[in-house]
Each structure stands twice: as C-alpha cells, then as structure tokens.
Amino acid sequence: MLASITLENVSVSFPVYSASTRSLKNRLIQSATGGQIRADTVSQRISVVQALQDINITLEDGDRLGLIGHNGAGKTTLLRVLGGIYEPNSGRVEVQGSTVPLFDIALGMNQESTGYENIVLRGLFLGLSRKKIHAMMDEIAEFTELGDFLDLPIRTYSAGMQMRLAFAVSTSVVPDILLLDEGIGAGDASFLHKARERLERFTERVSIIVLSSHSEDLVRSMCSKSLLMEHGRVVFAGPTDEALERYRAMRGW
C-alpha cells in the first residue's frame, strides 16, 4: 500500500485552568502552541488554546510539503498531530505508512537509562522490533561517535550528545513518511556535516516528507508545495514559491 496522509477539518485545542485568560501562564502556552486563547463557553474560569483550526491536507506518494509561518503559527503542533503525538479534538486524521518524527527527537528516551538501553527504547518507540534494533546496534553506536559514553546514563550527556544518539536511531531505518523540523541539531560542526549527509541520503528514499522550516532556501529546494500558517490556521495552500511570496508580504518584506 502506498503512503498517504489525509486530514479533514482537524482542530486541536488545549484547556488552560486559570483564573484569568490574561495570565502569564496562558500567554506562555499560547506562544508555545501557536494558538489563540479564548474563554471556554462552559466556564469563564477555563480558557482554551486553539492550537489548530480546520486543517485539511491530502498527501500521496512522492509529495514534499513545506510548513511556513512565524514562531507559534502551529507548525510544530501540526507535525505532532501527523506523528500521532497529539489527538485532534475534532476532524479526521488518516496516515497510511510507517512514520518517523525528526522533531521532539528525545521522545521515547529515558534519562536514567544508558545510551545502549536508549537505543532500544527509542527504536521501540519508532515501532522497530527488538531483533531489528539489536541487528543495527553496532552501526548506530558507531555513527554516534559516543564510545564509552554509551555505557552511561544519558542524564550525564550534553544536549548535543543526546541529540546524536536520538538522531542515529531515528535515521537507521527509512520510513514511508518523514516529519522533519529544521531546528534539530546534532552537536559539533564535524558531526553536523556527517548528519546532514546521512539525512540527505535518508530523504531521497522517503515516500512523503513534511518539513517545518524558516529557511526559504531549504523549503524551496525540498518542497514543491507548502502551507502558510498563522495562529493555527492555514491561510494559503499551494506552490512553494507563492507561499513564500505571501509569507514575505505578511512580514512586510
């Protein structure tokens, strides 16, 4: 079966239990999720972050979709819906094919477990069997360049070391669908070059890619069509060049 993604009228909201809809807590949550805060109709003491509203997407084998918009526009929330991390409050989500999320990249990892143990945990989170994970263990370990640190709990790692480990596991098997946030990093410059080469080979073999990025060059080079998002809504869907032109106009460039 060919890979596909269908979203119909998908909306996501988060309740915020606060005495005031103007509280600092609400403003921080609004910024993090990209939504708008409104008073709940049931109780004025409960406000709601409308993170996504009425999103419609249809993607098929070979599609490369860019997500464009300011910080907090809803791009990451949409990636999390596609990755099965968030469930929509309304609408339909149908994803056919195996999916790897290259964002929130430390999901499925345990700070108290060793690097080797987290290779297994992250692999299981991605849907791999233990047999498959153990067969790839040496290759993953070598790619990380972490050496003896793999025997230590990852709470002793720097952020860059943890990113290396998660990235190596996530790119060890090619999925049908890749959900990618350009914000992922992988440590020092030499390793970052190595990671980019691996990612380029990886993306060439993926059926569908959804990329969230602020880089016009990256979106233009990877994606033939894009969604322009603002406050959890899609304000334009179409060719990437036109989406980028509208985004520049929106920002006053």
C-alpha atoms as a PDB file:
ATOM      1  CA  MET A   1       0.000   0.000   0.000  1.00  0.00           C
ATOM      2  CA  LEU A   2       1.338   3.440  -0.965  1.00  0.00           C
ATOM      3  CA  ALA A   3       1.935   6.019   1.735  1.00  0.00           C
ATOM      4  CA  SER A   4      -0.695   8.714   2.209  1.00  0.00           C
ATOM      5  CA  ILE A   5      -1.847  11.374   4.668  1.00  0.00           C
ATOM      6  CA  THR A   6      -5.373  12.752   4.956  1.00  0.00           C
ATOM      7  CA  LEU A   7      -6.554  15.412   7.388  1.00  0.00           C
ATOM      8  CA  GLU A   8     -10.149  16.617   7.245  1.00  0.00           C
ATOM      9  CA  ASN A   9     -11.273  19.630   9.292  1.00  0.00           C
ATOM     10  CA  VAL A  10      -8.762  18.865  12.034  1.00  0.00           C
ATOM     11  CA  SER A  11      -8.802  21.102  15.097  1.00  0.00           C
ATOM     12  CA  VAL A  12      -6.709  20.881  18.255  1.00  0.00           C
ATOM     13  CA  SER A  13      -7.299  22.846  21.441  1.00  0.00           C
ATOM     14  CA  PHE A  14      -5.895  22.691  24.949  1.00  0.00           C
ATOM     15  CA  PRO A  15      -7.797  23.706  28.106  1.00  0.00           C
ATOM     16  CA  VAL A  16      -5.981  26.029  30.479  1.00  0.00           C
ATOM     17  CA  TYR A  17      -7.350  26.008  34.015  1.00  0.00           C
ATOM     18  CA  SER A  18      -6.628  29.515  35.216  1.00  0.00           C
ATOM     19  CA  ALA A  19      -8.466  32.300  36.984  1.00  0.00           C
ATOM     20  CA  SER A  20      -7.620  34.728  34.228  1.00  0.00           C
ATOM     21  CA  THR A  21      -7.435  34.330  30.476  1.00  0.00           C
ATOM     22  CA  ARG A  22      -4.812  37.084  30.511  1.00  0.00           C
ATOM     23  CA  SER A  23      -2.437  35.288  32.854  1.00  0.00           C
ATOM     24  CA  LEU A  24       1.276  34.885  32.149  1.00  0.00           C
ATOM     25  CA  LYS A  25       0.759  31.105  32.071  1.00  0.00           C
ATOM     26  CA  ASN A  26      -1.776  31.445  29.257  1.00  0.00           C
ATOM     27  CA  ARG A  27       0.447  33.757  27.255  1.00  0.00           C
ATOM     28  CA  LEU A  28       3.345  31.317  27.538  1.00  0.00           C
ATOM     29  CA  ILE A  29       1.189  28.370  26.436  1.00  0.00           C
ATOM     30  CA  GLN A  30      -0.216  30.379  23.541  1.00  0.00           C
ATOM     31  CA  SER A  31       3.301  31.173  22.383  1.00  0.00           C
ATOM     32  CA  ALA A  32       4.418  27.544  22.650  1.00  0.00           C
ATOM     33  CA  THR A  33       1.485  26.036  20.756  1.00  0.00           C
ATOM     34  CA  GLY A  34       0.806  28.722  18.185  1.00  0.00           C
ATOM     35  CA  GLY A  35      -2.853  29.090  19.002  1.00  0.00           C
ATOM     36  CA  GLN A  36      -5.213  31.746  20.219  1.00  0.00           C
ATOM     37  CA  ILE A  37      -6.679  31.825  23.716  1.00  0.00           C
ATOM     38  CA  ARG A  38     -10.423  32.212  24.176  1.00  0.00           C
ATOM     39  CA  ALA A  39     -12.780  31.833  27.112  1.00  0.00           C
ATOM     40  CA  ASP A  40     -14.482  28.458  27.320  1.00  0.00           C
ATOM     41  CA  THR A  41     -18.246  28.614  26.812  1.00  0.00           C
ATOM     42  CA  VAL A  42     -18.870  26.359  29.814  1.00  0.00           C
ATOM     43  CA  SER A  43     -16.878  28.255  32.410  1.00  0.00           C
ATOM     44  CA  GLN A  44     -15.195  31.624  32.182  1.00  0.00           C
ATOM     45  CA  ARG A  45     -12.545  30.286  34.562  1.00  0.00           C
ATOM     46  CA  ILE A  46     -11.356  27.848  31.887  1.00  0.00           C
ATOM     47  CA  SER A  47      -9.606  29.295  28.855  1.00  0.00           C
ATOM     48  CA  VAL A  48      -8.746  27.331  25.750  1.00  0.00           C
ATOM     49  CA  VAL A  49      -5.756  27.496  23.430  1.00  0.00           C
ATOM     50  CA  GLN A  50      -7.000  26.911  19.883  1.00  0.00           C
ATOM     51  CA  ALA A  51      -3.766  25.473  18.508  1.00  0.00           C
ATOM     52  CA  LEU A  52      -5.085  24.259  15.134  1.00  0.00           C
ATOM     53  CA  GLN A  53      -8.367  25.032  13.424  1.00  0.00           C
ATOM     54  CA  ASP A  54      -9.996  23.321  10.435  1.00  0.00           C
ATOM     55  CA  ILE A  55      -6.834  21.914   8.851  1.00  0.00           C
ATOM     56  CA  ASN A  56      -7.275  19.991   5.586  1.00  0.00           C
ATOM     57  CA  ILE A  57      -4.381  18.122   3.956  1.00  0.00           C
ATOM     58  CA  THR A  58      -4.131  15.377   1.345  1.00  0.00           C
ATOM     59  CA  LEU A  59      -0.682  13.950   0.597  1.00  0.00           C
ATOM     60  CA  GLU A  60       0.270  11.000  -1.579  1.00  0.00           C
ATOM     61  CA  ASP A  61       3.406   9.085  -2.526  1.00  0.00           C
ATOM     62  CA  GLY A  62       6.095  11.475  -3.755  1.00  0.00           C
ATOM     63  CA  ASP A  63       4.719  14.608  -2.080  1.00  0.00           C
ATOM     64  CA  ARG A  64       7.025  17.010  -0.247  1.00  0.00           C
ATOM     65  CA  LEU A  65       5.104  19.567   1.820  1.00  0.00           C
ATOM     66  CA  GLY A  66       6.581  22.632   3.482  1.00  0.00           C
ATOM     67  CA  LEU A  67       5.098  24.261   6.588  1.00  0.00           C
ATOM     68  CA  ILE A  68       5.756  28.008   6.621  1.00  0.00           C
ATOM     69  CA  GLY A  69       4.893  30.579   9.264  1.00  0.00           C
ATOM     70  CA  HIS A  70       6.138  32.596  12.201  1.00  0.00           C
ATOM     71  CA  ASN A  71       7.093  31.043  15.526  1.00  0.00           C
ATOM     72  CA  GLY A  72       3.858  29.929  17.149  1.00  0.00           C
ATOM     73  CA  ALA A  73       1.910  29.612  13.893  1.00  0.00           C
ATOM     74  CA  GLY A  74       1.032  25.984  14.636  1.00  0.00           C
ATOM     75  CA  LYS A  75       3.640  24.179  12.541  1.00  0.00           C
ATOM     76  CA  THR A  76       5.016  22.012  15.345  1.00  0.00           C
ATOM     77  CA  THR A  77       1.526  21.215  16.635  1.00  0.00           C
ATOM     78  CA  LEU A  78       0.600  20.023  13.152  1.00  0.00           C
ATOM     79  CA  LEU A  79       3.722  17.841  12.986  1.00  0.00           C
ATOM     80  CA  ARG A  80       2.754  16.325  16.335  1.00  0.00           C
ATOM     81  CA  VAL A  81      -0.734  15.521  15.048  1.00  0.00           C
ATOM     82  CA  LEU A  82       0.750  13.844  11.972  1.00  0.00           C
ATOM     83  CA  GLY A  83       3.131  11.899  14.213  1.00  0.00           C
ATOM     84  CA  GLY A  84       0.315  10.667  16.449  1.00  0.00           C
ATOM     85  CA  ILE A  85       1.596  12.594  19.473  1.00  0.00           C
ATOM     86  CA  TYR A  86      -1.481  14.839  19.660  1.00  0.00           C
ATOM     87  CA  GLU A  87      -5.037  13.650  19.064  1.00  0.00           C
ATOM     88  CA  PRO A  88      -7.354  16.182  17.402  1.00  0.00           C
ATOM     89  CA  ASN A  89     -10.420  17.419  19.257  1.00  0.00           C
ATOM     90  CA  SER A  90     -12.380  17.215  16.037  1.00  0.00           C
ATOM     91  CA  GLY A  91     -11.874  16.137  12.450  1.00  0.00           C
ATOM     92  CA  ARG A  92     -10.292  13.063  10.889  1.00  0.00           C
ATOM     93  CA  VAL A  93      -6.637  12.033  10.625  1.00  0.00           C
ATOM     94  CA  GLU A  94      -5.628   9.076   8.473  1.00  0.00           C
ATOM     95  CA  VAL A  95      -1.962   8.186   7.985  1.00  0.00           C
ATOM     96  CA  GLN A  96      -1.008   5.187   5.854  1.00  0.00           C
ATOM     97  CA  GLY A  97       2.592   4.030   6.146  1.00  0.00           C
ATOM     98  CA  SER A  98       5.386   3.959   8.702  1.00  0.00           C
ATOM     99  CA  THR A  99       6.308   7.344  10.154  1.00  0.00           C
ATOM    100  CA  VAL A 100       9.483   8.748  11.713  1.00  0.00           C
ATOM    101  CA  PRO A 101       9.280  12.097  13.538  1.00  0.00           C
ATOM    102  CA  LEU A 102      12.549  14.051  13.386  1.00  0.00           C
ATOM    103  CA  PHE A 103      11.328  16.599  15.918  1.00  0.00           C
ATOM    104  CA  ASP A 104      10.803  16.274  19.670  1.00  0.00           C
ATOM    105  CA  ILE A 105      13.637  13.908  18.941  1.00  0.00           C
ATOM    106  CA  ALA A 106      14.225  12.742  22.518  1.00  0.00           C
ATOM    107  CA  LEU A 107      10.725  11.244  22.821  1.00  0.00           C
ATOM    108  CA  GLY A 108      10.911   7.616  23.887  1.00  0.00           C
ATOM    109  CA  MET A 109      14.210   8.064  25.739  1.00  0.00           C
ATOM    110  CA  ASN A 110      14.857   7.673  29.481  1.00  0.00           C
ATOM    111  CA  GLN A 111      17.340   9.921  31.268  1.00  0.00           C
ATOM    112  CA  GLU A 112      18.256   7.231  33.811  1.00  0.00           C
ATOM    113  CA  SER A 113      18.980   4.546  31.185  1.00  0.00           C
ATOM    114  CA  THR A 114      22.285   4.084  29.372  1.00  0.00           C
ATOM    115  CA  GLY A 115      22.953   5.058  25.792  1.00  0.00           C
ATOM    116  CA  TYR A 116      22.695   1.437  24.681  1.00  0.00           C
ATOM    117  CA  GLU A 117      19.417   0.990  26.569  1.00  0.00           C
ATOM    118  CA  ASN A 118      18.045   4.140  24.981  1.00  0.00           C
ATOM    119  CA  ILE A 119      18.872   2.855  21.513  1.00  0.00           C
ATOM    120  CA  VAL A 120      16.445   0.037  22.287  1.00  0.00           C
ATOM    121  CA  LEU A 121      13.860   2.357  23.867  1.00  0.00           C
ATOM    122  CA  ARG A 122      13.929   4.861  21.004  1.00  0.00           C
ATOM    123  CA  GLY A 123      13.783   2.030  18.472  1.00  0.00           C
ATOM    124  CA  LEU A 124      10.736   0.518  20.180  1.00  0.00           C
ATOM    125  CA  PHE A 125       9.117   3.969  20.238  1.00  0.00           C
ATOM    126  CA  LEU A 126       9.619   4.134  16.468  1.00  0.00           C
ATOM    127  CA  GLY A 127       7.945   0.743  16.040  1.00  0.00           C
ATOM    128  CA  LEU A 128      11.039  -1.397  15.458  1.00  0.00           C
ATOM    129  CA  SER A 129      11.298  -4.929  16.813  1.00  0.00           C
ATOM    130  CA  ARG A 130      13.954  -5.796  19.398  1.00  0.00           C
ATOM    131  CA  LYS A 131      15.519  -8.179  16.879  1.00  0.00           C
ATOM    132  CA  LYS A 132      15.816  -5.391  14.308  1.00  0.00           C
ATOM    133  CA  ILE A 133      17.211  -2.963  16.879  1.00  0.00           C
ATOM    134  CA  HIS A 134      19.901  -5.370  18.073  1.00  0.00           C
ATOM    135  CA  ALA A 135      20.865  -6.122  14.467  1.00  0.00           C
ATOM    136  CA  MET A 136      21.501  -2.396  13.920  1.00  0.00           C
ATOM    137  CA  MET A 137      23.072  -1.704  17.318  1.00  0.00           C
ATOM    138  CA  ASP A 138      26.724  -1.660  16.197  1.00  0.00           C
ATOM    139  CA  GLU A 139      26.050   0.618  13.221  1.00  0.00           C
ATOM    140  CA  ILE A 140      24.041   3.045  15.350  1.00  0.00           C
ATOM    141  CA  ALA A 141      26.683   3.088  18.092  1.00  0.00           C
ATOM    142  CA  GLU A 142      29.469   3.741  15.582  1.00  0.00           C
ATOM    143  CA  PHE A 143      27.572   6.590  13.937  1.00  0.00           C
ATOM    144  CA  THR A 144      27.036   8.395  17.253  1.00  0.00           C
ATOM    145  CA  GLU A 145      30.803   8.541  17.966  1.00  0.00           C
ATOM    146  CA  LEU A 146      29.894   8.401  21.672  1.00  0.00           C
ATOM    147  CA  GLY A 147      32.177   5.471  22.506  1.00  0.00           C
ATOM    148  CA  ASP A 148      32.240   4.519  26.194  1.00  0.00           C
ATOM    149  CA  PHE A 149      29.599   7.138  26.976  1.00  0.00           C
ATOM    150  CA  LEU A 150      27.044   4.654  25.636  1.00  0.00           C
ATOM    151  CA  ASP A 151      27.510   2.689  28.863  1.00  0.00           C
ATOM    152  CA  LEU A 152      26.488   5.710  30.970  1.00  0.00           C
ATOM    153  CA  PRO A 153      23.018   7.106  31.782  1.00  0.00           C
ATOM    154  CA  ILE A 154      22.109   9.762  29.244  1.00  0.00           C
ATOM    155  CA  ARG A 155      21.454  12.263  32.049  1.00  0.00           C
ATOM    156  CA  THR A 156      25.260  12.600  32.049  1.00  0.00           C
ATOM    157  CA  TYR A 157      25.243  13.608  28.355  1.00  0.00           C
ATOM    158  CA  SER A 158      25.251  17.110  26.952  1.00  0.00           C
ATOM    159  CA  ALA A 159      22.252  18.143  24.840  1.00  0.00           C
ATOM    160  CA  GLY A 160      24.343  17.610  21.708  1.00  0.00           C
ATOM    161  CA  MET A 161      25.300  14.081  22.750  1.00  0.00           C
ATOM    162  CA  GLN A 162      21.669  13.175  23.394  1.00  0.00           C
ATOM    163  CA  MET A 163      20.752  14.598  20.004  1.00  0.00           C
ATOM    164  CA  ARG A 164      23.431  12.458  18.317  1.00  0.00           C
ATOM    165  CA  LEU A 165      22.026   9.330  19.917  1.00  0.00           C
ATOM    166  CA  ALA A 166      18.392  10.037  19.056  1.00  0.00           C
ATOM    167  CA  PHE A 167      19.276  11.151  15.512  1.00  0.00           C
ATOM    168  CA  ALA A 168      21.304   7.995  14.854  1.00  0.00           C
ATOM    169  CA  VAL A 169      18.439   5.730  15.917  1.00  0.00           C
ATOM    170  CA  SER A 170      15.767   7.742  14.092  1.00  0.00           C
ATOM    171  CA  THR A 171      17.639   7.633  10.781  1.00  0.00           C
ATOM    172  CA  SER A 172      18.677   3.988  10.975  1.00  0.00           C
ATOM    173  CA  VAL A 173      15.605   2.737   9.092  1.00  0.00           C
ATOM    174  CA  VAL A 174      13.928   4.549   6.197  1.00  0.00           C
ATOM    175  CA  PRO A 175      10.195   5.131   6.828  1.00  0.00           C
ATOM    176  CA  ASP A 176       7.384   5.794   4.380  1.00  0.00           C
ATOM    177  CA  ILE A 177       6.742   9.224   5.908  1.00  0.00           C
ATOM    178  CA  LEU A 178       9.276  11.658   7.378  1.00  0.00           C
ATOM    179  CA  LEU A 179       8.171  14.529   9.625  1.00  0.00           C
ATOM    180  CA  LEU A 180      11.051  16.976   9.844  1.00  0.00           C
ATOM    181  CA  ASP A 181      11.743  20.141  11.811  1.00  0.00           C
ATOM    182  CA  GLU A 182      14.812  22.003  10.566  1.00  0.00           C
ATOM    183  CA  GLY A 183      15.518  23.033  14.150  1.00  0.00           C
ATOM    184  CA  ILE A 184      17.058  19.678  15.049  1.00  0.00           C
ATOM    185  CA  GLY A 185      20.751  19.896  15.785  1.00  0.00           C
ATOM    186  CA  ALA A 186      23.345  17.204  16.246  1.00  0.00           C
ATOM    187  CA  GLY A 187      26.301  18.715  18.069  1.00  0.00           C
ATOM    188  CA  ASP A 188      29.635  19.977  16.767  1.00  0.00           C
ATOM    189  CA  ALA A 189      30.324  21.111  13.213  1.00  0.00           C
ATOM    190  CA  SER A 190      32.065  17.924  12.049  1.00  0.00           C
ATOM    191  CA  PHE A 191      29.251  15.702  13.276  1.00  0.00           C
ATOM    192  CA  LEU A 192      26.627  18.086  11.881  1.00  0.00           C
ATOM    193  CA  HIS A 193      28.170  17.703   8.408  1.00  0.00           C
ATOM    194  CA  LYS A 194      28.067  13.931   8.797  1.00  0.00           C
ATOM    195  CA  ALA A 195      24.454  14.101   9.992  1.00  0.00           C
ATOM    196  CA  ARG A 196      23.390  16.248   7.035  1.00  0.00           C
ATOM    197  CA  GLU A 197      24.922  13.795   4.566  1.00  0.00           C
ATOM    198  CA  ARG A 198      23.056  10.939   6.255  1.00  0.00           C
ATOM    199  CA  LEU A 199      19.821  12.935   6.230  1.00  0.00           C
ATOM    200  CA  GLU A 200      20.159  13.733   2.513  1.00  0.00           C
ATOM    201  CA  ARG A 201      20.506  10.037   1.661  1.00  0.00           C
ATOM    202  CA  PHE A 202      17.645   9.286   4.033  1.00  0.00           C
ATOM    203  CA  THR A 203      15.187  11.775   2.499  1.00  0.00           C
ATOM    204  CA  GLU A 204      15.844  10.585  -1.055  1.00  0.00           C
ATOM    205  CA  ARG A 205      14.256   7.235  -0.186  1.00  0.00           C
ATOM    206  CA  VAL A 206      11.209   8.501   1.748  1.00  0.00           C
ATOM    207  CA  SER A 207       7.760   8.488   0.122  1.00  0.00           C
ATOM    208  CA  ILE A 208       6.317  11.598   1.819  1.00  0.00           C
ATOM    209  CA  ILE A 209       8.095  14.448   3.609  1.00  0.00           C
ATOM    210  CA  VAL A 210       6.531  17.187   5.716  1.00  0.00           C
ATOM    211  CA  LEU A 211       9.093  19.879   6.572  1.00  0.00           C
ATOM    212  CA  SER A 212       8.694  22.762   9.017  1.00  0.00           C
ATOM    213  CA  SER A 213      11.270  25.456   8.351  1.00  0.00           C
ATOM    214  CA  HIS A 214      12.062  29.172   8.421  1.00  0.00           C
ATOM    215  CA  SER A 215      14.679  28.712   5.689  1.00  0.00           C
ATOM    216  CA  GLU A 216      13.319  29.771   2.311  1.00  0.00           C
ATOM    217  CA  ASP A 217      16.172  28.042   0.502  1.00  0.00           C
ATOM    218  CA  LEU A 218      15.565  24.754   2.317  1.00  0.00           C
ATOM    219  CA  VAL A 219      11.805  24.769   1.745  1.00  0.00           C
ATOM    220  CA  ARG A 220      12.225  25.759  -1.894  1.00  0.00           C
ATOM    221  CA  SER A 221      14.808  23.031  -2.523  1.00  0.00           C
ATOM    222  CA  MET A 222      12.877  20.238  -0.788  1.00  0.00           C
ATOM    223  CA  CYS A 223       9.180  21.066  -1.181  1.00  0.00           C
ATOM    224  CA  SER A 224       7.099  21.612  -4.306  1.00  0.00           C
ATOM    225  CA  LYS A 225       4.078  22.786  -2.307  1.00  0.00           C
ATOM    226  CA  SER A 226       3.598  24.424   1.062  1.00  0.00           C
ATOM    227  CA  LEU A 227       1.113  25.531   3.687  1.00  0.00           C
ATOM    228  CA  LEU A 228       1.366  29.072   5.032  1.00  0.00           C
ATOM    229  CA  MET A 229       0.108  29.055   8.625  1.00  0.00           C
ATOM    230  CA  GLU A 230      -0.916  31.796  11.033  1.00  0.00           C
ATOM    231  CA  HIS A 231      -2.419  31.364  14.516  1.00  0.00           C
ATOM    232  CA  GLY A 232      -3.267  27.715  13.928  1.00  0.00           C
ATOM    233  CA  ARG A 233      -4.962  28.245  10.575  1.00  0.00           C
ATOM    234  CA  VAL A 234      -3.872  27.597   7.001  1.00  0.00           C
ATOM    235  CA  VAL A 235      -4.027  30.941   5.204  1.00  0.00           C
ATOM    236  CA  PHE A 236      -2.610  29.623   1.918  1.00  0.00           C
ATOM    237  CA  ALA A 237      -2.010  26.198   0.380  1.00  0.00           C
ATOM    238  CA  GLY A 238      -0.265  25.865  -2.947  1.00  0.00           C
ATOM    239  CA  PRO A 239       3.058  26.181  -4.795  1.00  0.00           C
ATOM    240  CA  THR A 240       6.004  26.858  -2.505  1.00  0.00           C
ATOM    241  CA  ASP A 241       7.183  29.957  -4.386  1.00  0.00           C
ATOM    242  CA  GLU A 242       3.780  31.597  -3.969  1.00  0.00           C
ATOM    243  CA  ALA A 243       3.574  30.570  -0.310  1.00  0.00           C
ATOM    244  CA  LEU A 244       6.976  32.141   0.356  1.00  0.00           C
ATOM    245  CA  GLU A 245       5.990  35.319  -1.508  1.00  0.00           C
ATOM    246  CA  ARG A 246       2.858  35.628   0.626  1.00  0.00           C
ATOM    247  CA  TYR A 247       4.885  34.990   3.779  1.00  0.00           C
ATOM    248  CA  ARG A 248       7.300  37.784   2.877  1.00  0.00           C
ATOM    249  CA  ALA A 249       4.356  40.122   2.248  1.00  0.00           C
ATOM    250  CA  MET A 250       2.830  39.117   5.587  1.00  0.00           C
ATOM    251  CA  ARG A 251       6.069  40.064   7.345  1.00  0.00           C
ATOM    252  CA  GLY A 252       6.404  43.329   5.420  1.00  0.00           C
ATOM    253  CA  TRP A 253       9.486  42.338   3.446  1.00  0.00           C
END
